[in-house]
Amino acid sequence: MTPPEITSIIAAASAGVAAVVSAIGIIVVLVVLYVVKLVIGKLAPPELAEPVLFIVGAICLISLLALAANTMFGVGPSLGSLRSGPLLR
């Protein structure tokens, strides 16, 4: 058993890691949306651009929800888990 002090330190560290991972995920999604909007604005016809942007936006929201589930609960559709990292073993 680990002492309560060690457990609270590990929990605080994992909360900080989760905040950083969430912030990076949000920034990446915003950059991807910006680039996709530029490309679709240049290449797609106007009547097709809006539905494509809507679908891409929905996919980005789903990815943010999956990221939030992973960072908050350590579960979700990802390659790994924050709780299975070397810090919490």
N, C-alpha and C. Protein backbone atom coordinates (compact mmCIF):
# COMPACT_ATOMS: atom_id res chain seq x y z
N MET A 1 0.84 -1.20 0.00
CA MET A 1 0.00 0.00 0.00
C MET A 1 0.87 1.25 0.00
N THR A 2 0.41 2.22 -0.73
CA THR A 2 1.14 3.48 -0.74
C THR A 2 0.55 4.40 0.31
N PRO A 3 1.39 5.21 0.91
CA PRO A 3 0.88 6.17 1.89
C PRO A 3 -0.03 7.19 1.23
N PRO A 4 -0.96 7.75 1.99
CA PRO A 4 -1.90 8.74 1.41
C PRO A 4 -1.20 9.96 0.80
N GLU A 5 -0.05 10.34 1.36
CA GLU A 5 0.65 11.51 0.82
C GLU A 5 1.14 11.23 -0.61
N ILE A 6 1.67 10.04 -0.83
CA ILE A 6 2.15 9.67 -2.16
C ILE A 6 0.98 9.61 -3.14
N THR A 7 -0.12 9.04 -2.70
CA THR A 7 -1.30 8.93 -3.57
C THR A 7 -1.82 10.30 -3.98
N SER A 8 -1.84 11.25 -3.05
CA SER A 8 -2.32 12.59 -3.39
C SER A 8 -1.36 13.31 -4.33
N ILE A 9 -0.06 13.07 -4.18
CA ILE A 9 0.92 13.67 -5.09
C ILE A 9 0.75 13.10 -6.49
N ILE A 10 0.56 11.79 -6.59
CA ILE A 10 0.36 11.15 -7.90
C ILE A 10 -0.93 11.66 -8.54
N ALA A 11 -1.99 11.80 -7.76
CA ALA A 11 -3.26 12.29 -8.30
C ALA A 11 -3.12 13.72 -8.81
N ALA A 12 -2.40 14.56 -8.06
CA ALA A 12 -2.20 15.94 -8.50
C ALA A 12 -1.37 16.00 -9.77
N ALA A 13 -0.36 15.14 -9.87
CA ALA A 13 0.47 15.12 -11.07
C ALA A 13 -0.33 14.65 -12.28
N SER A 14 -1.16 13.63 -12.09
CA SER A 14 -1.95 13.14 -13.22
C SER A 14 -3.01 14.16 -13.63
N ALA A 15 -3.52 14.95 -12.70
CA ALA A 15 -4.48 16.00 -13.05
C ALA A 15 -3.80 17.07 -13.89
N GLY A 16 -2.55 17.39 -13.57
CA GLY A 16 -1.81 18.37 -14.37
C GLY A 16 -1.52 17.85 -15.76
N VAL A 17 -1.18 16.58 -15.86
CA VAL A 17 -0.94 15.97 -17.16
C VAL A 17 -2.23 15.98 -17.98
N ALA A 18 -3.35 15.68 -17.35
CA ALA A 18 -4.63 15.67 -18.05
C ALA A 18 -4.98 17.06 -18.57
N ALA A 19 -4.69 18.09 -17.80
CA ALA A 19 -4.98 19.45 -18.25
C ALA A 19 -4.12 19.82 -19.46
N VAL A 20 -2.86 19.43 -19.44
CA VAL A 20 -1.98 19.73 -20.56
C VAL A 20 -2.42 18.95 -21.81
N VAL A 21 -2.77 17.68 -21.64
CA VAL A 21 -3.22 16.87 -22.78
C VAL A 21 -4.50 17.46 -23.36
N SER A 22 -5.42 17.89 -22.52
CA SER A 22 -6.67 18.50 -23.00
C SER A 22 -6.39 19.79 -23.77
N ALA A 23 -5.52 20.62 -23.24
CA ALA A 23 -5.19 21.88 -23.91
C ALA A 23 -4.54 21.63 -25.27
N ILE A 24 -3.62 20.67 -25.32
CA ILE A 24 -2.98 20.34 -26.60
C ILE A 24 -4.00 19.80 -27.59
N GLY A 25 -4.91 18.96 -27.11
CA GLY A 25 -5.96 18.41 -27.99
C GLY A 25 -6.85 19.49 -28.57
N ILE A 26 -7.22 20.46 -27.75
CA ILE A 26 -8.08 21.55 -28.23
C ILE A 26 -7.34 22.40 -29.26
N ILE A 27 -6.08 22.68 -29.01
CA ILE A 27 -5.30 23.47 -29.97
C ILE A 27 -5.16 22.72 -31.30
N VAL A 28 -4.89 21.43 -31.22
CA VAL A 28 -4.76 20.64 -32.46
C VAL A 28 -6.06 20.64 -33.24
N VAL A 29 -7.19 20.47 -32.56
CA VAL A 29 -8.48 20.46 -33.25
C VAL A 29 -8.75 21.82 -33.90
N LEU A 30 -8.44 22.90 -33.22
CA LEU A 30 -8.66 24.22 -33.80
C LEU A 30 -7.78 24.44 -35.04
N VAL A 31 -6.53 24.00 -34.99
CA VAL A 31 -5.66 24.14 -36.16
C VAL A 31 -6.16 23.29 -37.32
N VAL A 32 -6.58 22.06 -37.02
CA VAL A 32 -7.11 21.19 -38.08
C VAL A 32 -8.35 21.80 -38.70
N LEU A 33 -9.26 22.31 -37.88
CA LEU A 33 -10.47 22.95 -38.42
C LEU A 33 -10.12 24.16 -39.29
N TYR A 34 -9.15 24.94 -38.87
CA TYR A 34 -8.75 26.11 -39.65
C TYR A 34 -8.19 25.71 -41.02
N VAL A 35 -7.30 24.71 -41.01
CA VAL A 35 -6.69 24.27 -42.26
C VAL A 35 -7.75 23.65 -43.18
N VAL A 36 -8.63 22.83 -42.62
CA VAL A 36 -9.68 22.20 -43.43
C VAL A 36 -10.60 23.27 -44.02
N LYS A 37 -10.93 24.28 -43.23
CA LYS A 37 -11.79 25.35 -43.75
C LYS A 37 -11.11 26.10 -44.89
N LEU A 38 -9.81 26.35 -44.78
CA LEU A 38 -9.10 27.00 -45.88
C LEU A 38 -9.09 26.15 -47.13
N VAL A 39 -8.79 24.86 -46.98
CA VAL A 39 -8.70 23.97 -48.14
C VAL A 39 -10.07 23.79 -48.79
N ILE A 40 -11.09 23.57 -47.98
CA ILE A 40 -12.43 23.37 -48.54
C ILE A 40 -12.94 24.66 -49.17
N GLY A 41 -12.61 25.80 -48.59
CA GLY A 41 -13.01 27.07 -49.17
C GLY A 41 -12.41 27.31 -50.54
N LYS A 42 -11.20 26.80 -50.74
CA LYS A 42 -10.54 26.99 -52.04
C LYS A 42 -10.96 25.95 -53.08
N LEU A 43 -11.14 24.70 -52.65
CA LEU A 43 -11.33 23.61 -53.61
C LEU A 43 -12.78 23.22 -53.85
N ALA A 44 -13.59 23.26 -52.82
CA ALA A 44 -14.96 22.75 -52.96
C ALA A 44 -15.90 23.83 -53.49
N PRO A 45 -16.91 23.42 -54.24
CA PRO A 45 -17.93 24.39 -54.65
C PRO A 45 -18.72 24.86 -53.42
N PRO A 46 -19.25 26.08 -53.47
CA PRO A 46 -19.92 26.64 -52.29
C PRO A 46 -21.08 25.80 -51.75
N GLU A 47 -21.85 25.17 -52.64
CA GLU A 47 -22.99 24.37 -52.15
C GLU A 47 -22.55 23.08 -51.47
N LEU A 48 -21.32 22.65 -51.70
CA LEU A 48 -20.80 21.44 -51.07
C LEU A 48 -19.94 21.75 -49.84
N ALA A 49 -19.44 22.98 -49.76
CA ALA A 49 -18.51 23.34 -48.68
C ALA A 49 -19.18 23.29 -47.31
N GLU A 50 -20.40 23.80 -47.22
CA GLU A 50 -21.06 23.85 -45.91
C GLU A 50 -21.35 22.47 -45.33
N PRO A 51 -21.91 21.53 -46.08
CA PRO A 51 -22.13 20.19 -45.49
C PRO A 51 -20.83 19.49 -45.13
N VAL A 52 -19.79 19.67 -45.93
CA VAL A 52 -18.50 19.03 -45.61
C VAL A 52 -17.92 19.61 -44.33
N LEU A 53 -17.99 20.92 -44.17
CA LEU A 53 -17.50 21.55 -42.95
C LEU A 53 -18.33 21.12 -41.74
N PHE A 54 -19.62 20.91 -41.92
CA PHE A 54 -20.47 20.43 -40.84
C PHE A 54 -20.04 19.04 -40.39
N ILE A 55 -19.77 18.16 -41.34
CA ILE A 55 -19.35 16.80 -41.02
C ILE A 55 -17.98 16.80 -40.35
N VAL A 56 -17.05 17.59 -40.86
CA VAL A 56 -15.72 17.68 -40.26
C VAL A 56 -15.82 18.24 -38.84
N GLY A 57 -16.67 19.23 -38.63
CA GLY A 57 -16.88 19.77 -37.29
C GLY A 57 -17.44 18.74 -36.33
N ALA A 58 -18.38 17.92 -36.81
CA ALA A 58 -18.93 16.86 -35.97
C ALA A 58 -17.86 15.83 -35.60
N ILE A 59 -17.00 15.49 -36.54
CA ILE A 59 -15.92 14.55 -36.26
C ILE A 59 -14.95 15.14 -35.24
N CYS A 60 -14.67 16.43 -35.34
CA CYS A 60 -13.79 17.08 -34.36
C CYS A 60 -14.42 17.11 -32.97
N LEU A 61 -15.72 17.35 -32.89
CA LEU A 61 -16.39 17.31 -31.59
C LEU A 61 -16.35 15.93 -30.98
N ILE A 62 -16.54 14.90 -31.78
CA ILE A 62 -16.46 13.53 -31.28
C ILE A 62 -15.06 13.23 -30.77
N SER A 63 -14.04 13.70 -31.48
CA SER A 63 -12.67 13.47 -31.02
C SER A 63 -12.38 14.22 -29.72
N LEU A 64 -12.94 15.41 -29.56
CA LEU A 64 -12.77 16.14 -28.30
C LEU A 64 -13.49 15.43 -27.15
N LEU A 65 -14.66 14.87 -27.41
CA LEU A 65 -15.35 14.10 -26.37
C LEU A 65 -14.56 12.86 -25.97
N ALA A 66 -13.96 12.19 -26.94
CA ALA A 66 -13.13 11.02 -26.64
C ALA A 66 -11.90 11.43 -25.83
N LEU A 67 -11.30 12.56 -26.18
CA LEU A 67 -10.16 13.07 -25.43
C LEU A 67 -10.55 13.42 -24.00
N ALA A 68 -11.72 14.06 -23.84
CA ALA A 68 -12.18 14.41 -22.50
C ALA A 68 -12.44 13.16 -21.67
N ALA A 69 -13.02 12.14 -22.27
CA ALA A 69 -13.26 10.89 -21.53
C ALA A 69 -11.95 10.25 -21.12
N ASN A 70 -10.97 10.31 -21.98
CA ASN A 70 -9.67 9.72 -21.66
C ASN A 70 -8.98 10.50 -20.55
N THR A 71 -9.01 11.82 -20.61
CA THR A 71 -8.30 12.61 -19.61
C THR A 71 -9.03 12.64 -18.27
N MET A 72 -10.35 12.57 -18.29
CA MET A 72 -11.09 12.62 -17.03
C MET A 72 -11.18 11.27 -16.33
N PHE A 73 -11.41 10.22 -17.10
CA PHE A 73 -11.67 8.93 -16.50
C PHE A 73 -10.62 7.88 -16.85
N GLY A 74 -9.72 8.19 -17.76
CA GLY A 74 -8.70 7.23 -18.15
C GLY A 74 -9.21 6.12 -19.04
N VAL A 75 -10.37 6.33 -19.65
CA VAL A 75 -10.94 5.33 -20.56
C VAL A 75 -11.33 6.03 -21.84
N GLY A 76 -11.47 5.26 -22.88
CA GLY A 76 -11.92 5.84 -24.13
C GLY A 76 -11.23 5.21 -25.31
N PRO A 77 -11.68 5.59 -26.50
CA PRO A 77 -11.10 5.00 -27.71
C PRO A 77 -9.77 5.65 -28.06
N SER A 78 -8.71 5.19 -27.43
CA SER A 78 -7.40 5.74 -27.72
C SER A 78 -6.37 4.62 -27.68
N LEU A 79 -5.16 4.95 -28.05
CA LEU A 79 -4.10 3.94 -28.07
C LEU A 79 -3.59 3.64 -26.67
N GLY A 80 -3.79 4.54 -25.76
CA GLY A 80 -3.32 4.33 -24.40
C GLY A 80 -4.18 5.07 -23.42
N SER A 81 -3.81 5.00 -22.18
CA SER A 81 -4.57 5.66 -21.13
C SER A 81 -3.62 6.47 -20.28
N LEU A 82 -4.09 7.60 -19.79
CA LEU A 82 -3.26 8.40 -18.91
C LEU A 82 -2.99 7.66 -17.60
N ARG A 83 -3.94 6.85 -17.18
CA ARG A 83 -3.77 6.14 -15.91
C ARG A 83 -2.86 4.92 -16.04
N SER A 84 -2.55 4.52 -17.24
CA SER A 84 -1.65 3.37 -17.40
C SER A 84 -0.22 3.81 -17.67
N GLY A 85 0.04 5.10 -17.53
CA GLY A 85 1.37 5.59 -17.78
C GLY A 85 2.32 5.20 -16.67
N PRO A 86 3.61 5.46 -16.86
CA PRO A 86 4.60 5.04 -15.87
C PRO A 86 4.46 5.76 -14.54
N LEU A 87 3.78 6.93 -14.52
CA LEU A 87 3.64 7.69 -13.28
C LEU A 87 2.74 6.96 -12.28
N LEU A 88 1.75 6.25 -12.76
CA LEU A 88 0.77 5.64 -11.85
C LEU A 88 0.91 4.13 -11.71
N ARG A 89 1.98 3.56 -12.17
CA ARG A 89 2.14 2.10 -12.04
C ARG A 89 2.57 1.72 -10.66
